[in-house]
Amino acid sequence: MGADSYVIRGGVQGRERLRLLADVMGPATRALLDEIGIATGASCLDVGCGGGDVTLELARRVGAAGRVLGVDLDEAKLEIARREAAEQGVANVAFAVHDVTAWEPGDPFDVVYARFLLTHLADPASLLATLHRHVRPGGVVVVEDIDFRGHFAEPPSAALDRYVELYTRSVAARGADANIGPRVPGLLRAAGFDDVRMRMHHPAALEGGIKLLTLVTLEGIADAVLRDGLIGESELRAVVAELSAFAQDPRTVVAGPRVVQAWGRRAGAAA
């Protein structure tokens, strides 16, 4: 997966968007990790880790005896993640630049985690098959991914509808699936994972949170949708302005994508 296949702008601006995403998803992700149970001393891999928010969460859970590796294609985000890990005194974590579609981990892991990654891949099944080979027997793979059709607004918003259309079409133009979430349990089974389970989270807000994230994401895909010829600059500016006004109105409701949380285990007893 080259950088040009990722529809959302990266770098420092992309990191700040991911910080907002971490605020929106944090409670649900932490509850998911609580339910699965991350053992002290475990080895963990965060695939497509972005700014490392979940990487650091995993590192805190496994303790000093554990280790966590976060991999991503965006060196700018990883450099920020390294600095923040050092500032927080988290020493059991490392970050490395890899194209996850072409990379094979050198060591097996007890836990492999991926958030909002499969939705950007033309061949998510291939990545899951690779990860299955690198999860220890008894280990778990944890995936959170989106169903972009989940967006809604009250009152209805033409700008939100246009944003959903633009995002979905731009992701599809790269051979990927903005609505992959409901497919994830089946993909895990097909990759060889057992005891597959799922639940769903659907963020919505009257102010801040997902309302702001939706606007920031629209701004983040601006380069891609213009380059793809899906919209002109004047219309894009109008959609951004309309969605901004709608998102800042505390009387409106915005719901983001449905988020499917799914996990499965590799057969065999844990070492």
C-alpha atoms as a PDB file:
ATOM      1  CA  MET A   1       0.000   0.000   0.000  1.00  0.00           C
ATOM      2  CA  GLY A   2       1.837   3.089  -1.203  1.00  0.00           C
ATOM      3  CA  ALA A   3       1.239   6.510   0.291  1.00  0.00           C
ATOM      4  CA  ASP A   4      -0.797   7.501  -2.780  1.00  0.00           C
ATOM      5  CA  SER A   5      -3.324   4.730  -2.050  1.00  0.00           C
ATOM      6  CA  TYR A   6      -4.307   6.297   1.278  1.00  0.00           C
ATOM      7  CA  VAL A   7      -7.143   8.740   0.729  1.00  0.00           C
ATOM      8  CA  ILE A   8      -6.606  10.884   3.867  1.00  0.00           C
ATOM      9  CA  ARG A   9      -3.810  13.443   4.111  1.00  0.00           C
ATOM     10  CA  GLY A  10      -0.895  12.279   6.278  1.00  0.00           C
ATOM     11  CA  GLY A  11       2.013  13.993   7.987  1.00  0.00           C
ATOM     12  CA  VAL A  12       1.619  16.353  10.935  1.00  0.00           C
ATOM     13  CA  GLN A  13      -1.887  17.396   9.896  1.00  0.00           C
ATOM     14  CA  GLY A  14      -2.869  13.745   9.605  1.00  0.00           C
ATOM     15  CA  ARG A  15      -1.471  13.112  13.092  1.00  0.00           C
ATOM     16  CA  GLU A  16      -3.691  15.796  14.588  1.00  0.00           C
ATOM     17  CA  ARG A  17      -6.720  14.239  12.921  1.00  0.00           C
ATOM     18  CA  LEU A  18      -5.751  10.870  14.434  1.00  0.00           C
ATOM     19  CA  ARG A  19      -5.476  12.510  17.846  1.00  0.00           C
ATOM     20  CA  LEU A  20      -9.093  13.586  17.496  1.00  0.00           C
ATOM     21  CA  LEU A  21     -10.008  10.092  16.308  1.00  0.00           C
ATOM     22  CA  ALA A  22      -8.342   8.661  19.419  1.00  0.00           C
ATOM     23  CA  ASP A  23     -10.515  10.896  21.597  1.00  0.00           C
ATOM     24  CA  VAL A  24     -13.659   9.764  19.782  1.00  0.00           C
ATOM     25  CA  MET A  25     -12.779   6.061  19.795  1.00  0.00           C
ATOM     26  CA  GLY A  26     -10.807   5.875  23.046  1.00  0.00           C
ATOM     27  CA  PRO A  27     -13.554   4.697  25.430  1.00  0.00           C
ATOM     28  CA  ALA A  28     -14.847   2.064  23.002  1.00  0.00           C
ATOM     29  CA  THR A  29     -11.369   0.772  22.162  1.00  0.00           C
ATOM     30  CA  ARG A  30     -10.366   0.567  25.820  1.00  0.00           C
ATOM     31  CA  ALA A  31     -13.579  -1.312  26.624  1.00  0.00           C
ATOM     32  CA  LEU A  32     -12.818  -3.730  23.789  1.00  0.00           C
ATOM     33  CA  LEU A  33      -9.293  -4.373  25.066  1.00  0.00           C
ATOM     34  CA  ASP A  34     -10.707  -4.853  28.574  1.00  0.00           C
ATOM     35  CA  GLU A  35     -13.098  -7.509  27.269  1.00  0.00           C
ATOM     36  CA  ILE A  36     -10.420  -9.374  25.327  1.00  0.00           C
ATOM     37  CA  GLY A  37      -7.846  -9.153  28.121  1.00  0.00           C
ATOM     38  CA  ILE A  38      -4.274  -8.099  27.349  1.00  0.00           C
ATOM     39  CA  ALA A  39      -1.917 -10.067  29.573  1.00  0.00           C
ATOM     40  CA  THR A  40       0.988  -8.511  31.422  1.00  0.00           C
ATOM     41  CA  GLY A  41       4.190  -9.434  29.606  1.00  0.00           C
ATOM     42  CA  ALA A  42       2.483  -9.994  26.250  1.00  0.00           C
ATOM     43  CA  SER A  43       4.080  -9.077  22.930  1.00  0.00           C
ATOM     44  CA  CYS A  44       1.850  -6.905  20.739  1.00  0.00           C
ATOM     45  CA  LEU A  45       1.834  -5.579  17.189  1.00  0.00           C
ATOM     46  CA  ASP A  46      -0.164  -2.488  16.166  1.00  0.00           C
ATOM     47  CA  VAL A  47      -0.481  -2.645  12.366  1.00  0.00           C
ATOM     48  CA  GLY A  48      -1.038   0.686  10.640  1.00  0.00           C
ATOM     49  CA  CYS A  49      -0.533   2.380  13.993  1.00  0.00           C
ATOM     50  CA  GLY A  50      -0.689   5.985  12.774  1.00  0.00           C
ATOM     51  CA  GLY A  51       0.222   8.302  15.621  1.00  0.00           C
ATOM     52  CA  GLY A  52       0.570   5.430  18.094  1.00  0.00           C
ATOM     53  CA  ASP A  53      -2.360   6.171  20.411  1.00  0.00           C
ATOM     54  CA  VAL A  54      -3.402   2.527  20.700  1.00  0.00           C
ATOM     55  CA  THR A  55       0.234   1.405  20.571  1.00  0.00           C
ATOM     56  CA  LEU A  56       0.880   3.306  23.792  1.00  0.00           C
ATOM     57  CA  GLU A  57      -2.336   1.990  25.324  1.00  0.00           C
ATOM     58  CA  LEU A  58      -1.174  -1.571  24.630  1.00  0.00           C
ATOM     59  CA  ALA A  59       2.270  -0.772  26.059  1.00  0.00           C
ATOM     60  CA  ARG A  60       0.724   0.430  29.308  1.00  0.00           C
ATOM     61  CA  ARG A  61      -1.343  -2.745  29.563  1.00  0.00           C
ATOM     62  CA  VAL A  62       1.475  -5.238  28.979  1.00  0.00           C
ATOM     63  CA  GLY A  63       3.816  -3.522  31.444  1.00  0.00           C
ATOM     64  CA  ALA A  64       7.579  -3.412  31.529  1.00  0.00           C
ATOM     65  CA  ALA A  65       7.857  -7.144  30.866  1.00  0.00           C
ATOM     66  CA  GLY A  66       5.919  -6.828  27.614  1.00  0.00           C
ATOM     67  CA  ARG A  67       6.814  -5.297  24.275  1.00  0.00           C
ATOM     68  CA  VAL A  68       4.818  -3.465  21.625  1.00  0.00           C
ATOM     69  CA  LEU A  69       5.741  -2.676  18.027  1.00  0.00           C
ATOM     70  CA  GLY A  70       3.817  -0.104  16.002  1.00  0.00           C
ATOM     71  CA  VAL A  71       4.280  -0.102  12.225  1.00  0.00           C
ATOM     72  CA  ASP A  72       3.046   2.439   9.705  1.00  0.00           C
ATOM     73  CA  LEU A  73       3.959   3.873   6.311  1.00  0.00           C
ATOM     74  CA  ASP A  74       4.059   7.502   7.500  1.00  0.00           C
ATOM     75  CA  GLU A  75       7.442   8.387   9.012  1.00  0.00           C
ATOM     76  CA  ALA A  76       6.243  11.860  10.069  1.00  0.00           C
ATOM     77  CA  LYS A  77       3.541  10.355  12.285  1.00  0.00           C
ATOM     78  CA  LEU A  78       5.926   7.768  13.696  1.00  0.00           C
ATOM     79  CA  GLU A  79       8.487  10.390  14.647  1.00  0.00           C
ATOM     80  CA  ILE A  80       5.806  12.230  16.620  1.00  0.00           C
ATOM     81  CA  ALA A  81       4.806   8.899  18.214  1.00  0.00           C
ATOM     82  CA  ARG A  82       8.396   8.216  19.274  1.00  0.00           C
ATOM     83  CA  ARG A  83       8.678  11.647  20.851  1.00  0.00           C
ATOM     84  CA  GLU A  84       5.385  11.294  22.708  1.00  0.00           C
ATOM     85  CA  ALA A  85       6.321   7.826  23.977  1.00  0.00           C
ATOM     86  CA  ALA A  86       9.557   9.268  25.375  1.00  0.00           C
ATOM     87  CA  GLU A  87       7.734  12.217  26.936  1.00  0.00           C
ATOM     88  CA  GLN A  88       5.303   9.821  28.641  1.00  0.00           C
ATOM     89  CA  GLY A  89       8.091   7.549  29.846  1.00  0.00           C
ATOM     90  CA  VAL A  90       6.831   4.529  27.878  1.00  0.00           C
ATOM     91  CA  ALA A  91       9.969   2.507  27.219  1.00  0.00           C
ATOM     92  CA  ASN A  92       8.574  -0.861  26.104  1.00  0.00           C
ATOM     93  CA  VAL A  93       7.441   0.359  22.679  1.00  0.00           C
ATOM     94  CA  ALA A  94       9.113   0.755  19.293  1.00  0.00           C
ATOM     95  CA  PHE A  95       7.918   2.198  15.989  1.00  0.00           C
ATOM     96  CA  ALA A  96       9.041   1.192  12.501  1.00  0.00           C
ATOM     97  CA  VAL A  97       8.223   2.256   8.950  1.00  0.00           C
ATOM     98  CA  HIS A  98       6.820  -0.594   6.872  1.00  0.00           C
ATOM     99  CA  ASP A  99       4.374  -1.062   4.033  1.00  0.00           C
ATOM    100  CA  VAL A 100       2.185  -3.563   5.842  1.00  0.00           C
ATOM    101  CA  THR A 101       1.021  -5.141   2.577  1.00  0.00           C
ATOM    102  CA  ALA A 102       4.580  -6.213   1.768  1.00  0.00           C
ATOM    103  CA  TRP A 103       6.075  -6.789   5.226  1.00  0.00           C
ATOM    104  CA  GLU A 104       6.491 -10.003   7.205  1.00  0.00           C
ATOM    105  CA  PRO A 105       7.159  -9.631  10.950  1.00  0.00           C
ATOM    106  CA  GLY A 106      10.278 -11.368  12.182  1.00  0.00           C
ATOM    107  CA  ASP A 107       8.806 -12.586  15.466  1.00  0.00           C
ATOM    108  CA  PRO A 108       5.425 -13.973  16.539  1.00  0.00           C
ATOM    109  CA  PHE A 109       3.055 -11.882  18.684  1.00  0.00           C
ATOM    110  CA  ASP A 110       0.478 -12.643  21.341  1.00  0.00           C
ATOM    111  CA  VAL A 111      -1.768  -9.764  20.229  1.00  0.00           C
ATOM    112  CA  VAL A 112      -2.114  -8.108  16.826  1.00  0.00           C
ATOM    113  CA  TYR A 113      -4.277  -5.011  16.550  1.00  0.00           C
ATOM    114  CA  ALA A 114      -5.446  -2.941  13.557  1.00  0.00           C
ATOM    115  CA  ARG A 115      -7.802   0.041  13.563  1.00  0.00           C
ATOM    116  CA  PHE A 116      -9.270   1.506  10.373  1.00  0.00           C
ATOM    117  CA  LEU A 117      -6.609  -0.178   8.237  1.00  0.00           C
ATOM    118  CA  LEU A 118      -8.375  -2.912   6.269  1.00  0.00           C
ATOM    119  CA  THR A 119     -10.735  -0.326   4.783  1.00  0.00           C
ATOM    120  CA  HIS A 120      -7.788   1.174   2.879  1.00  0.00           C
ATOM    121  CA  LEU A 121      -6.467  -2.095   1.436  1.00  0.00           C
ATOM    122  CA  ALA A 122      -7.265  -3.554  -1.970  1.00  0.00           C
ATOM    123  CA  ASP A 123      -6.537  -7.049  -0.577  1.00  0.00           C
ATOM    124  CA  PRO A 124      -7.323  -7.127   3.151  1.00  0.00           C
ATOM    125  CA  ALA A 125      -7.597 -10.928   3.082  1.00  0.00           C
ATOM    126  CA  SER A 126      -3.924 -11.210   2.156  1.00  0.00           C
ATOM    127  CA  LEU A 127      -2.858  -9.085   5.130  1.00  0.00           C
ATOM    128  CA  LEU A 128      -4.980 -11.112   7.542  1.00  0.00           C
ATOM    129  CA  ALA A 129      -3.476 -14.337   6.191  1.00  0.00           C
ATOM    130  CA  THR A 130      -0.009 -12.903   6.834  1.00  0.00           C
ATOM    131  CA  LEU A 131      -0.967 -11.857  10.345  1.00  0.00           C
ATOM    132  CA  HIS A 132      -2.349 -15.316  11.062  1.00  0.00           C
ATOM    133  CA  ARG A 133       1.117 -16.744  10.418  1.00  0.00           C
ATOM    134  CA  HIS A 134       2.595 -14.347  12.958  1.00  0.00           C
ATOM    135  CA  VAL A 135       0.143 -14.745  15.833  1.00  0.00           C
ATOM    136  CA  ARG A 136       1.229 -17.314  18.403  1.00  0.00           C
ATOM    137  CA  PRO A 137      -1.085 -20.279  19.023  1.00  0.00           C
ATOM    138  CA  GLY A 138      -3.721 -19.047  21.437  1.00  0.00           C
ATOM    139  CA  GLY A 139      -2.984 -15.448  20.445  1.00  0.00           C
ATOM    140  CA  VAL A 140      -5.558 -12.962  19.234  1.00  0.00           C
ATOM    141  CA  VAL A 141      -6.010 -10.549  16.341  1.00  0.00           C
ATOM    142  CA  VAL A 142      -8.208  -7.527  17.049  1.00  0.00           C
ATOM    143  CA  VAL A 143      -9.712  -5.383  14.281  1.00  0.00           C
ATOM    144  CA  GLU A 144     -11.762  -2.221  14.436  1.00  0.00           C
ATOM    145  CA  ASP A 145     -13.060  -1.037  11.077  1.00  0.00           C
ATOM    146  CA  ILE A 146     -15.753   1.082   9.540  1.00  0.00           C
ATOM    147  CA  ASP A 147     -19.056   0.898   7.726  1.00  0.00           C
ATOM    148  CA  PHE A 148     -19.235   4.374   6.214  1.00  0.00           C
ATOM    149  CA  ARG A 149     -22.930   3.916   5.411  1.00  0.00           C
ATOM    150  CA  GLY A 150     -23.630   4.490   9.098  1.00  0.00           C
ATOM    151  CA  HIS A 151     -23.455   8.290   8.850  1.00  0.00           C
ATOM    152  CA  PHE A 152     -26.643  10.212   9.514  1.00  0.00           C
ATOM    153  CA  ALA A 153     -27.658  13.695  10.568  1.00  0.00           C
ATOM    154  CA  GLU A 154     -30.667  15.291  12.226  1.00  0.00           C
ATOM    155  CA  PRO A 155     -31.900  17.384  10.572  1.00  0.00           C
ATOM    156  CA  PRO A 156     -30.707  15.813   7.317  1.00  0.00           C
ATOM    157  CA  SER A 157     -27.594  17.441   5.862  1.00  0.00           C
ATOM    158  CA  ALA A 158     -26.872  17.519   2.132  1.00  0.00           C
ATOM    159  CA  ALA A 159     -23.261  18.415   2.939  1.00  0.00           C
ATOM    160  CA  LEU A 160     -22.852  15.282   5.088  1.00  0.00           C
ATOM    161  CA  ASP A 161     -24.397  13.160   2.352  1.00  0.00           C
ATOM    162  CA  ARG A 162     -22.000  14.641  -0.209  1.00  0.00           C
ATOM    163  CA  TYR A 163     -19.036  13.999   2.098  1.00  0.00           C
ATOM    164  CA  VAL A 164     -20.033  10.339   2.500  1.00  0.00           C
ATOM    165  CA  GLU A 165     -20.351  10.012  -1.277  1.00  0.00           C
ATOM    166  CA  LEU A 166     -16.962  11.628  -1.930  1.00  0.00           C
ATOM    167  CA  TYR A 167     -15.156   9.551   0.682  1.00  0.00           C
ATOM    168  CA  THR A 168     -16.719   6.277  -0.449  1.00  0.00           C
ATOM    169  CA  ARG A 169     -15.998   6.902  -4.137  1.00  0.00           C
ATOM    170  CA  SER A 170     -12.406   7.968  -3.509  1.00  0.00           C
ATOM    171  CA  VAL A 171     -11.694   4.872  -1.421  1.00  0.00           C
ATOM    172  CA  ALA A 172     -13.323   2.703  -4.106  1.00  0.00           C
ATOM    173  CA  ALA A 173     -11.142   4.341  -6.767  1.00  0.00           C
ATOM    174  CA  ARG A 174      -8.150   2.892  -4.896  1.00  0.00           C
ATOM    175  CA  GLY A 175      -9.664  -0.599  -4.950  1.00  0.00           C
ATOM    176  CA  ALA A 176     -10.664  -0.519  -1.278  1.00  0.00           C
ATOM    177  CA  ASP A 177     -13.937  -0.653   0.678  1.00  0.00           C
ATOM    178  CA  ALA A 178     -15.241   2.152   2.899  1.00  0.00           C
ATOM    179  CA  ASN A 179     -17.959  -0.207   4.159  1.00  0.00           C
ATOM    180  CA  ILE A 180     -15.751  -3.171   5.053  1.00  0.00           C
ATOM    181  CA  GLY A 181     -16.776  -3.339   8.725  1.00  0.00           C
ATOM    182  CA  PRO A 182     -19.498  -6.009   8.470  1.00  0.00           C
ATOM    183  CA  ARG A 183     -17.185  -8.150   6.325  1.00  0.00           C
ATOM    184  CA  VAL A 184     -14.453  -8.313   8.969  1.00  0.00           C
ATOM    185  CA  PRO A 185     -15.723 -11.367  10.942  1.00  0.00           C
ATOM    186  CA  GLY A 186     -15.918 -13.380   7.720  1.00  0.00           C
ATOM    187  CA  LEU A 187     -12.472 -12.211   6.661  1.00  0.00           C
ATOM    188  CA  LEU A 188     -11.056 -13.327  10.011  1.00  0.00           C
ATOM    189  CA  ARG A 189     -12.605 -16.783   9.636  1.00  0.00           C
ATOM    190  CA  ALA A 190     -11.336 -17.092   6.060  1.00  0.00           C
ATOM    191  CA  ALA A 191      -7.821 -16.220   7.270  1.00  0.00           C
ATOM    192  CA  GLY A 192      -7.937 -19.168   9.690  1.00  0.00           C
ATOM    193  CA  PHE A 193      -8.860 -17.494  12.986  1.00  0.00           C
ATOM    194  CA  ASP A 194     -11.166 -19.341  15.382  1.00  0.00           C
ATOM    195  CA  ASP A 195     -13.661 -18.236  18.023  1.00  0.00           C
ATOM    196  CA  VAL A 196     -14.439 -15.089  16.021  1.00  0.00           C
ATOM    197  CA  ARG A 197     -16.551 -12.544  17.884  1.00  0.00           C
ATOM    198  CA  MET A 198     -17.801  -9.038  17.244  1.00  0.00           C
ATOM    199  CA  ARG A 199     -19.627  -6.058  18.589  1.00  0.00           C
ATOM    200  CA  MET A 200     -20.420  -2.627  17.205  1.00  0.00           C
ATOM    201  CA  HIS A 201     -19.833   0.978  18.239  1.00  0.00           C
ATOM    202  CA  HIS A 202     -21.606   3.963  16.645  1.00  0.00           C
ATOM    203  CA  PRO A 203     -20.260   7.410  17.633  1.00  0.00           C
ATOM    204  CA  ALA A 204     -22.700  10.324  17.536  1.00  0.00           C
ATOM    205  CA  ALA A 205     -22.649  13.792  19.069  1.00  0.00           C
ATOM    206  CA  LEU A 206     -24.353  17.138  19.532  1.00  0.00           C
ATOM    207  CA  GLU A 207     -21.030  18.962  19.748  1.00  0.00           C
ATOM    208  CA  GLY A 208     -17.345  18.246  19.274  1.00  0.00           C
ATOM    209  CA  GLY A 209     -16.319  14.612  18.965  1.00  0.00           C
ATOM    210  CA  ILE A 210     -17.478  12.902  15.791  1.00  0.00           C
ATOM    211  CA  LYS A 211     -18.984  16.145  14.476  1.00  0.00           C
ATOM    212  CA  LEU A 212     -15.572  17.761  14.416  1.00  0.00           C
ATOM    213  CA  LEU A 213     -13.872  14.587  13.185  1.00  0.00           C
ATOM    214  CA  THR A 214     -16.239  14.408  10.220  1.00  0.00           C
ATOM    215  CA  LEU A 215     -15.354  17.961   9.203  1.00  0.00           C
ATOM    216  CA  VAL A 216     -11.615  17.406   9.704  1.00  0.00           C
ATOM    217  CA  THR A 217     -11.766  14.213   7.636  1.00  0.00           C
ATOM    218  CA  LEU A 218     -13.514  16.032   4.791  1.00  0.00           C
ATOM    219  CA  GLU A 219     -10.700  18.573   4.830  1.00  0.00           C
ATOM    220  CA  GLY A 220      -8.213  15.699   4.984  1.00  0.00           C
ATOM    221  CA  ILE A 221      -9.518  14.044   1.797  1.00  0.00           C
ATOM    222  CA  ALA A 222      -9.667  17.313  -0.152  1.00  0.00           C
ATOM    223  CA  ASP A 223      -6.470  16.658  -2.105  1.00  0.00           C
ATOM    224  CA  ALA A 224      -7.578  13.142  -3.045  1.00  0.00           C
ATOM    225  CA  VAL A 225     -11.104  13.973  -4.202  1.00  0.00           C
ATOM    226  CA  LEU A 226      -9.865  16.927  -6.248  1.00  0.00           C
ATOM    227  CA  ARG A 227      -7.141  14.783  -7.799  1.00  0.00           C
ATOM    228  CA  ASP A 228      -9.714  12.064  -8.542  1.00  0.00           C
ATOM    229  CA  GLY A 229     -11.940  14.594 -10.316  1.00  0.00           C
ATOM    230  CA  LEU A 230     -14.896  13.842  -8.039  1.00  0.00           C
ATOM    231  CA  ILE A 231     -15.603  17.490  -7.242  1.00  0.00           C
ATOM    232  CA  GLY A 232     -14.467  20.974  -8.242  1.00  0.00           C
ATOM    233  CA  GLU A 233     -12.700  23.382  -5.922  1.00  0.00           C
ATOM    234  CA  SER A 234     -15.611  25.813  -5.612  1.00  0.00           C
ATOM    235  CA  GLU A 235     -18.107  23.077  -4.751  1.00  0.00           C
ATOM    236  CA  LEU A 236     -15.666  21.535  -2.284  1.00  0.00           C
ATOM    237  CA  ARG A 237     -15.256  24.859  -0.496  1.00  0.00           C
ATOM    238  CA  ALA A 238     -19.042  25.179  -0.323  1.00  0.00           C
ATOM    239  CA  VAL A 239     -19.474  21.658   1.083  1.00  0.00           C
ATOM    240  CA  VAL A 240     -16.763  22.285   3.703  1.00  0.00           C
ATOM    241  CA  ALA A 241     -18.392  25.576   4.728  1.00  0.00           C
ATOM    242  CA  GLU A 242     -21.860  24.018   4.948  1.00  0.00           C
ATOM    243  CA  LEU A 243     -20.665  21.010   6.935  1.00  0.00           C
ATOM    244  CA  SER A 244     -18.640  23.283   9.225  1.00  0.00           C
ATOM    245  CA  ALA A 245     -21.707  25.398  10.035  1.00  0.00           C
ATOM    246  CA  PHE A 246     -23.794  22.276  10.588  1.00  0.00           C
ATOM    247  CA  ALA A 247     -21.163  20.650  12.845  1.00  0.00           C
ATOM    248  CA  GLN A 248     -20.768  23.782  14.970  1.00  0.00           C
ATOM    249  CA  ASP A 249     -24.506  24.091  15.613  1.00  0.00           C
ATOM    250  CA  PRO A 250     -25.195  22.416  18.998  1.00  0.00           C
ATOM    251  CA  ARG A 251     -28.800  21.738  17.951  1.00  0.00           C
ATOM    252  CA  THR A 252     -27.784  19.320  15.184  1.00  0.00           C
ATOM    253  CA  VAL A 253     -26.923  15.643  15.500  1.00  0.00           C
ATOM    254  CA  VAL A 254     -24.167  13.924  13.524  1.00  0.00           C
ATOM    255  CA  ALA A 255     -23.392  10.224  13.653  1.00  0.00           C
ATOM    256  CA  GLY A 256     -20.236   8.867  12.088  1.00  0.00           C
ATOM    257  CA  PRO A 257     -19.526   5.482  10.531  1.00  0.00           C
ATOM    258  CA  ARG A 258     -20.579   2.348  12.333  1.00  0.00           C
ATOM    259  CA  VAL A 259     -17.477   0.728  13.790  1.00  0.00           C
ATOM    260  CA  VAL A 260     -17.316  -3.065  13.829  1.00  0.00           C
ATOM    261  CA  GLN A 261     -15.042  -4.456  16.523  1.00  0.00           C
ATOM    262  CA  ALA A 262     -14.086  -8.049  15.741  1.00  0.00           C
ATOM    263  CA  TRP A 263     -11.513 -10.467  17.073  1.00  0.00           C
ATOM    264  CA  GLY A 264     -10.444 -14.049  16.624  1.00  0.00           C
ATOM    265  CA  ARG A 265      -7.800 -16.423  17.970  1.00  0.00           C
ATOM    266  CA  ARG A 266      -5.265 -18.679  16.367  1.00  0.00           C
ATOM    267  CA  ALA A 267      -5.959 -22.281  17.287  1.00  0.00           C
ATOM    268  CA  GLY A 268      -3.677 -23.952  19.799  1.00  0.00           C
ATOM    269  CA  ALA A 269      -2.645 -23.493  23.381  1.00  0.00           C
ATOM    270  CA  ALA A 270      -0.825 -20.353  24.380  1.00  0.00           C
ATOM    271  CA  ALA A 271       2.873 -20.850  24.973  1.00  0.00           C
END
